[in-house]
Amino acid sequence: MLNRRMQRGEGKLGCLIGLVILLIAVMVAYKMVPVKVKAAEMRDAVQDEAKSAGLSGHTDAYILKTLIVKAQSLDLPVGEKDVEIARSGGEIRVEVDYTVPVKFPGYVYQWHFHHKAQNPIF
């Protein structure tokens, strides 16, 4: 009878530790997933602008303004100094480099993003 009581699995500490780990994982996902989604949208905007560079009216200034407006709509910390546009030899290269601070209790993670698109200009 004594042996059966010890085997009933009354380990409450293991369950509590598992629950804490699960809560931490949910909190990290809650903070990180929206930032990743916004960064993916910004990457798509960079690629779209590089592909459209050959259209009339798509000057470097226009591309810069479009990317800044997109970043502002996504609430990303991108300024003019974070965007580099270079045209040479029938190609365009667009690069956007920025860091998003992700705040956790007692810690701020600096998540760095670098988007680059290079396309021929037709």
N, C-alpha and C. Protein backbone atom coordinates (compact mmCIF):
# COMPACT_ATOMS: atom_id res chain seq x y z
N MET A 1 0.82 -1.19 0.00
CA MET A 1 0.00 0.00 0.00
C MET A 1 0.86 1.26 0.00
N LEU A 2 1.91 1.27 0.78
CA LEU A 2 2.81 2.41 0.84
C LEU A 2 3.48 2.66 -0.51
N ASN A 3 3.82 1.60 -1.18
CA ASN A 3 4.48 1.70 -2.48
C ASN A 3 3.56 2.34 -3.52
N ARG A 4 2.27 2.06 -3.46
CA ARG A 4 1.31 2.62 -4.42
C ARG A 4 1.14 4.13 -4.25
N ARG A 5 1.17 4.62 -3.04
CA ARG A 5 1.02 6.05 -2.82
C ARG A 5 2.16 6.84 -3.43
N MET A 6 3.34 6.31 -3.41
CA MET A 6 4.51 7.00 -3.96
C MET A 6 4.48 7.02 -5.49
N GLN A 7 3.70 6.13 -6.09
CA GLN A 7 3.67 6.04 -7.53
C GLN A 7 2.46 6.74 -8.14
N ARG A 8 1.68 7.45 -7.35
CA ARG A 8 0.47 8.08 -7.87
C ARG A 8 0.76 9.30 -8.74
N GLY A 9 1.97 9.82 -8.74
CA GLY A 9 2.30 10.95 -9.60
C GLY A 9 1.85 12.28 -9.05
N GLU A 10 2.01 12.47 -7.78
CA GLU A 10 1.59 13.72 -7.18
C GLU A 10 2.68 14.79 -7.27
N GLY A 11 3.45 14.82 -8.36
CA GLY A 11 4.52 15.80 -8.53
C GLY A 11 3.96 17.14 -8.99
N LYS A 12 3.62 18.02 -8.10
CA LYS A 12 3.04 19.32 -8.44
C LYS A 12 4.11 20.31 -8.90
N LEU A 13 5.34 20.11 -8.48
CA LEU A 13 6.42 21.02 -8.86
C LEU A 13 6.69 20.94 -10.36
N GLY A 14 6.69 19.74 -10.91
CA GLY A 14 6.92 19.57 -12.35
C GLY A 14 5.85 20.26 -13.18
N CYS A 15 4.62 20.17 -12.75
CA CYS A 15 3.51 20.82 -13.45
C CYS A 15 3.65 22.34 -13.38
N LEU A 16 4.03 22.83 -12.23
CA LEU A 16 4.20 24.27 -12.05
C LEU A 16 5.33 24.81 -12.93
N ILE A 17 6.44 24.09 -12.99
CA ILE A 17 7.56 24.51 -13.83
C ILE A 17 7.15 24.50 -15.31
N GLY A 18 6.44 23.47 -15.71
CA GLY A 18 5.96 23.40 -17.09
C GLY A 18 5.02 24.54 -17.43
N LEU A 19 4.15 24.91 -16.51
CA LEU A 19 3.23 26.02 -16.72
C LEU A 19 3.97 27.35 -16.83
N VAL A 20 4.99 27.54 -16.01
CA VAL A 20 5.79 28.78 -16.07
C VAL A 20 6.51 28.87 -17.42
N ILE A 21 7.08 27.76 -17.86
CA ILE A 21 7.76 27.75 -19.16
C ILE A 21 6.78 28.05 -20.29
N LEU A 22 5.59 27.48 -20.22
CA LEU A 22 4.57 27.75 -21.22
C LEU A 22 4.17 29.22 -21.23
N LEU A 23 4.00 29.82 -20.07
CA LEU A 23 3.64 31.24 -19.99
C LEU A 23 4.74 32.13 -20.55
N ILE A 24 5.98 31.79 -20.29
CA ILE A 24 7.11 32.56 -20.83
C ILE A 24 7.12 32.46 -22.36
N ALA A 25 6.91 31.26 -22.89
CA ALA A 25 6.88 31.08 -24.35
C ALA A 25 5.75 31.87 -24.99
N VAL A 26 4.59 31.90 -24.35
CA VAL A 26 3.45 32.66 -24.88
C VAL A 26 3.76 34.16 -24.86
N MET A 27 4.40 34.64 -23.79
CA MET A 27 4.73 36.06 -23.70
C MET A 27 5.76 36.46 -24.77
N VAL A 28 6.76 35.62 -24.98
CA VAL A 28 7.77 35.91 -26.00
C VAL A 28 7.12 35.94 -27.38
N ALA A 29 6.27 34.98 -27.67
CA ALA A 29 5.57 34.96 -28.96
C ALA A 29 4.68 36.18 -29.13
N TYR A 30 4.00 36.58 -28.06
CA TYR A 30 3.11 37.74 -28.10
C TYR A 30 3.87 39.02 -28.45
N LYS A 31 5.10 39.12 -27.99
CA LYS A 31 5.92 40.31 -28.25
C LYS A 31 6.64 40.23 -29.59
N MET A 32 7.10 39.06 -29.99
CA MET A 32 7.98 38.92 -31.16
C MET A 32 7.23 38.73 -32.48
N VAL A 33 6.14 38.02 -32.47
CA VAL A 33 5.43 37.72 -33.74
C VAL A 33 4.95 38.98 -34.45
N PRO A 34 4.34 39.96 -33.78
CA PRO A 34 3.93 41.17 -34.51
C PRO A 34 5.11 41.93 -35.13
N VAL A 35 6.24 41.95 -34.45
CA VAL A 35 7.42 42.63 -35.00
C VAL A 35 7.90 41.90 -36.25
N LYS A 36 7.91 40.58 -36.21
CA LYS A 36 8.34 39.78 -37.36
C LYS A 36 7.40 39.98 -38.55
N VAL A 37 6.10 40.08 -38.29
CA VAL A 37 5.13 40.29 -39.37
C VAL A 37 5.35 41.67 -40.01
N LYS A 38 5.56 42.69 -39.18
CA LYS A 38 5.81 44.03 -39.71
C LYS A 38 7.11 44.07 -40.52
N ALA A 39 8.13 43.39 -40.04
CA ALA A 39 9.40 43.35 -40.76
C ALA A 39 9.24 42.64 -42.10
N ALA A 40 8.42 41.61 -42.16
CA ALA A 40 8.17 40.91 -43.42
C ALA A 40 7.45 41.82 -44.41
N GLU A 41 6.51 42.62 -43.91
CA GLU A 41 5.81 43.57 -44.78
C GLU A 41 6.78 44.63 -45.30
N MET A 42 7.70 45.07 -44.47
CA MET A 42 8.69 46.06 -44.90
C MET A 42 9.62 45.45 -45.94
N ARG A 43 10.03 44.20 -45.75
CA ARG A 43 10.88 43.51 -46.72
C ARG A 43 10.18 43.42 -48.08
N ASP A 44 8.88 43.10 -48.06
CA ASP A 44 8.11 43.04 -49.31
C ASP A 44 8.05 44.40 -49.99
N ALA A 45 7.91 45.47 -49.20
CA ALA A 45 7.87 46.82 -49.77
C ALA A 45 9.21 47.16 -50.42
N VAL A 46 10.31 46.78 -49.80
CA VAL A 46 11.64 47.03 -50.37
C VAL A 46 11.78 46.31 -51.70
N GLN A 47 11.36 45.04 -51.74
CA GLN A 47 11.45 44.27 -52.99
C GLN A 47 10.55 44.86 -54.07
N ASP A 48 9.35 45.27 -53.70
CA ASP A 48 8.43 45.86 -54.67
C ASP A 48 8.98 47.14 -55.26
N GLU A 49 9.56 47.98 -54.42
CA GLU A 49 10.12 49.24 -54.92
C GLU A 49 11.32 49.00 -55.83
N ALA A 50 12.12 48.02 -55.50
CA ALA A 50 13.27 47.71 -56.37
C ALA A 50 12.80 47.18 -57.72
N LYS A 51 11.74 46.40 -57.73
CA LYS A 51 11.20 45.87 -58.99
C LYS A 51 10.57 46.98 -59.83
N SER A 52 10.01 47.99 -59.18
CA SER A 52 9.31 49.07 -59.90
C SER A 52 10.22 50.23 -60.25
N ALA A 53 11.50 50.11 -60.02
CA ALA A 53 12.42 51.24 -60.19
C ALA A 53 12.51 51.74 -61.63
N GLY A 54 12.22 50.90 -62.59
CA GLY A 54 12.32 51.31 -63.99
C GLY A 54 11.12 52.08 -64.49
N LEU A 55 10.05 52.13 -63.73
CA LEU A 55 8.86 52.85 -64.16
C LEU A 55 9.12 54.36 -64.13
N SER A 56 8.45 55.07 -65.00
CA SER A 56 8.63 56.52 -65.00
C SER A 56 8.08 57.09 -63.70
N GLY A 57 8.81 58.02 -63.14
CA GLY A 57 8.39 58.63 -61.89
C GLY A 57 8.95 57.94 -60.66
N HIS A 58 9.54 56.79 -60.82
CA HIS A 58 10.13 56.07 -59.68
C HIS A 58 11.59 56.51 -59.50
N THR A 59 11.73 57.74 -59.09
CA THR A 59 13.07 58.25 -58.80
C THR A 59 13.52 57.75 -57.44
N ASP A 60 14.79 57.98 -57.12
CA ASP A 60 15.30 57.58 -55.81
C ASP A 60 14.53 58.29 -54.69
N ALA A 61 14.21 59.56 -54.90
CA ALA A 61 13.47 60.32 -53.89
C ALA A 61 12.07 59.74 -53.69
N TYR A 62 11.44 59.33 -54.77
CA TYR A 62 10.11 58.73 -54.68
C TYR A 62 10.17 57.40 -53.92
N ILE A 63 11.16 56.59 -54.24
CA ILE A 63 11.32 55.30 -53.56
C ILE A 63 11.58 55.52 -52.07
N LEU A 64 12.46 56.46 -51.75
CA LEU A 64 12.77 56.77 -50.36
C LEU A 64 11.50 57.19 -49.61
N LYS A 65 10.74 58.10 -50.20
CA LYS A 65 9.52 58.58 -49.55
C LYS A 65 8.52 57.45 -49.36
N THR A 66 8.37 56.59 -50.36
CA THR A 66 7.44 55.47 -50.26
C THR A 66 7.83 54.52 -49.13
N LEU A 67 9.13 54.23 -49.01
CA LEU A 67 9.59 53.32 -47.96
C LEU A 67 9.44 53.93 -46.57
N ILE A 68 9.69 55.24 -46.45
CA ILE A 68 9.54 55.91 -45.16
C ILE A 68 8.06 55.91 -44.73
N VAL A 69 7.17 56.19 -45.67
CA VAL A 69 5.73 56.19 -45.37
C VAL A 69 5.29 54.78 -44.97
N LYS A 70 5.78 53.77 -45.66
CA LYS A 70 5.43 52.38 -45.32
C LYS A 70 5.92 52.04 -43.91
N ALA A 71 7.14 52.43 -43.59
CA ALA A 71 7.69 52.16 -42.26
C ALA A 71 6.88 52.87 -41.18
N GLN A 72 6.48 54.10 -41.45
CA GLN A 72 5.66 54.83 -40.48
C GLN A 72 4.31 54.16 -40.28
N SER A 73 3.72 53.66 -41.35
CA SER A 73 2.42 52.99 -41.23
C SER A 73 2.55 51.69 -40.44
N LEU A 74 3.73 51.07 -40.48
CA LEU A 74 3.98 49.84 -39.73
C LEU A 74 4.54 50.11 -38.34
N ASP A 75 4.76 51.38 -38.03
CA ASP A 75 5.34 51.78 -36.75
C ASP A 75 6.74 51.17 -36.55
N LEU A 76 7.54 51.23 -37.62
CA LEU A 76 8.92 50.76 -37.56
C LEU A 76 9.86 51.96 -37.52
N PRO A 77 10.94 51.87 -36.77
CA PRO A 77 11.87 53.01 -36.63
C PRO A 77 12.82 53.14 -37.82
N VAL A 78 12.30 53.55 -38.96
CA VAL A 78 13.10 53.72 -40.17
C VAL A 78 13.09 55.18 -40.55
N GLY A 79 14.28 55.75 -40.69
CA GLY A 79 14.41 57.13 -41.13
C GLY A 79 15.16 57.19 -42.45
N GLU A 80 15.36 58.40 -42.95
CA GLU A 80 16.04 58.55 -44.24
C GLU A 80 17.46 57.99 -44.20
N LYS A 81 18.12 58.11 -43.06
CA LYS A 81 19.50 57.62 -42.96
C LYS A 81 19.57 56.10 -42.95
N ASP A 82 18.44 55.43 -42.73
CA ASP A 82 18.40 53.97 -42.68
C ASP A 82 18.15 53.33 -44.05
N VAL A 83 17.88 54.16 -45.06
CA VAL A 83 17.57 53.66 -46.40
C VAL A 83 18.71 54.05 -47.35
N GLU A 84 19.19 53.07 -48.10
CA GLU A 84 20.25 53.33 -49.09
C GLU A 84 19.76 52.85 -50.45
N ILE A 85 19.82 53.76 -51.43
CA ILE A 85 19.40 53.46 -52.79
C ILE A 85 20.56 53.77 -53.72
N ALA A 86 20.95 52.79 -54.53
CA ALA A 86 22.07 52.99 -55.46
C ALA A 86 21.69 52.41 -56.82
N ARG A 87 21.94 53.20 -57.85
CA ARG A 87 21.71 52.76 -59.23
C ARG A 87 23.06 52.75 -59.95
N SER A 88 23.33 51.64 -60.64
CA SER A 88 24.56 51.57 -61.43
C SER A 88 24.47 50.41 -62.41
N GLY A 89 24.97 50.65 -63.62
CA GLY A 89 25.02 49.60 -64.63
C GLY A 89 23.70 48.94 -64.94
N GLY A 90 22.62 49.69 -64.97
CA GLY A 90 21.32 49.12 -65.29
C GLY A 90 20.69 48.33 -64.16
N GLU A 91 21.19 48.51 -62.95
CA GLU A 91 20.63 47.82 -61.79
C GLU A 91 20.34 48.82 -60.68
N ILE A 92 19.47 48.41 -59.79
CA ILE A 92 19.19 49.21 -58.59
C ILE A 92 19.36 48.31 -57.38
N ARG A 93 19.90 48.90 -56.34
CA ARG A 93 20.05 48.20 -55.07
C ARG A 93 19.37 49.06 -54.00
N VAL A 94 18.44 48.47 -53.28
CA VAL A 94 17.73 49.17 -52.20
C VAL A 94 18.00 48.39 -50.92
N GLU A 95 18.50 49.10 -49.91
CA GLU A 95 18.78 48.48 -48.62
C GLU A 95 18.13 49.31 -47.51
N VAL A 96 17.55 48.61 -46.56
CA VAL A 96 16.96 49.24 -45.39
C VAL A 96 17.50 48.52 -44.17
N ASP A 97 18.04 49.30 -43.23
CA ASP A 97 18.70 48.75 -42.06
C ASP A 97 18.14 49.45 -40.82
N TYR A 98 17.55 48.69 -39.90
CA TYR A 98 16.95 49.30 -38.70
C TYR A 98 16.93 48.29 -37.55
N THR A 99 16.71 48.80 -36.36
CA THR A 99 16.64 47.99 -35.16
C THR A 99 15.36 48.31 -34.41
N VAL A 100 14.63 47.27 -34.03
CA VAL A 100 13.37 47.43 -33.30
C VAL A 100 13.59 46.98 -31.85
N PRO A 101 13.36 47.87 -30.89
CA PRO A 101 13.46 47.44 -29.49
C PRO A 101 12.19 46.69 -29.08
N VAL A 102 12.37 45.48 -28.56
CA VAL A 102 11.26 44.66 -28.08
C VAL A 102 11.39 44.60 -26.56
N LYS A 103 10.39 45.15 -25.87
CA LYS A 103 10.46 45.29 -24.42
C LYS A 103 9.86 44.09 -23.71
N PHE A 104 10.64 43.53 -22.82
CA PHE A 104 10.21 42.47 -21.92
C PHE A 104 10.36 42.98 -20.50
N PRO A 105 9.71 42.36 -19.54
CA PRO A 105 9.90 42.80 -18.15
C PRO A 105 11.37 42.69 -17.72
N GLY A 106 12.00 43.82 -17.48
CA GLY A 106 13.38 43.83 -17.03
C GLY A 106 14.42 43.72 -18.12
N TYR A 107 14.01 43.69 -19.40
CA TYR A 107 14.98 43.53 -20.49
C TYR A 107 14.41 44.10 -21.78
N VAL A 108 15.26 44.74 -22.56
CA VAL A 108 14.87 45.23 -23.88
C VAL A 108 15.77 44.56 -24.92
N TYR A 109 15.15 43.78 -25.80
CA TYR A 109 15.88 43.08 -26.85
C TYR A 109 15.93 43.97 -28.08
N GLN A 110 17.12 44.21 -28.61
CA GLN A 110 17.30 45.03 -29.81
C GLN A 110 17.33 44.09 -31.02
N TRP A 111 16.22 44.03 -31.76
CA TRP A 111 16.10 43.12 -32.90
C TRP A 111 16.48 43.87 -34.17
N HIS A 112 17.58 43.45 -34.79
CA HIS A 112 18.13 44.13 -35.96
C HIS A 112 17.60 43.50 -37.24
N PHE A 113 17.21 44.35 -38.20
CA PHE A 113 16.73 43.89 -39.49
C PHE A 113 17.52 44.57 -40.60
N HIS A 114 17.81 43.82 -41.65
CA HIS A 114 18.49 44.37 -42.83
C HIS A 114 17.81 43.76 -44.06
N HIS A 115 17.11 44.61 -44.81
CA HIS A 115 16.43 44.16 -46.02
C HIS A 115 17.20 44.69 -47.22
N LYS A 116 17.42 43.82 -48.19
CA LYS A 116 18.16 44.23 -49.38
C LYS A 116 17.48 43.63 -50.61
N ALA A 117 17.33 44.46 -51.63
CA ALA A 117 16.78 44.01 -52.91
C ALA A 117 17.63 44.59 -54.03
N GLN A 118 17.97 43.76 -54.98
CA GLN A 118 18.76 44.20 -56.13
C GLN A 118 18.10 43.66 -57.39
N ASN A 119 17.76 44.56 -58.30
CA ASN A 119 17.05 44.17 -59.51
C ASN A 119 17.57 44.96 -60.71
N PRO A 120 17.43 44.37 -61.91
CA PRO A 120 17.76 45.15 -63.11
C PRO A 120 16.68 46.20 -63.37
N ILE A 121 17.11 47.28 -63.98
CA ILE A 121 16.17 48.36 -64.33
C ILE A 121 15.86 48.20 -65.81
N PHE A 122 14.58 48.03 -66.15
CA PHE A 122 14.18 47.89 -67.55
C PHE A 122 13.66 49.17 -68.09
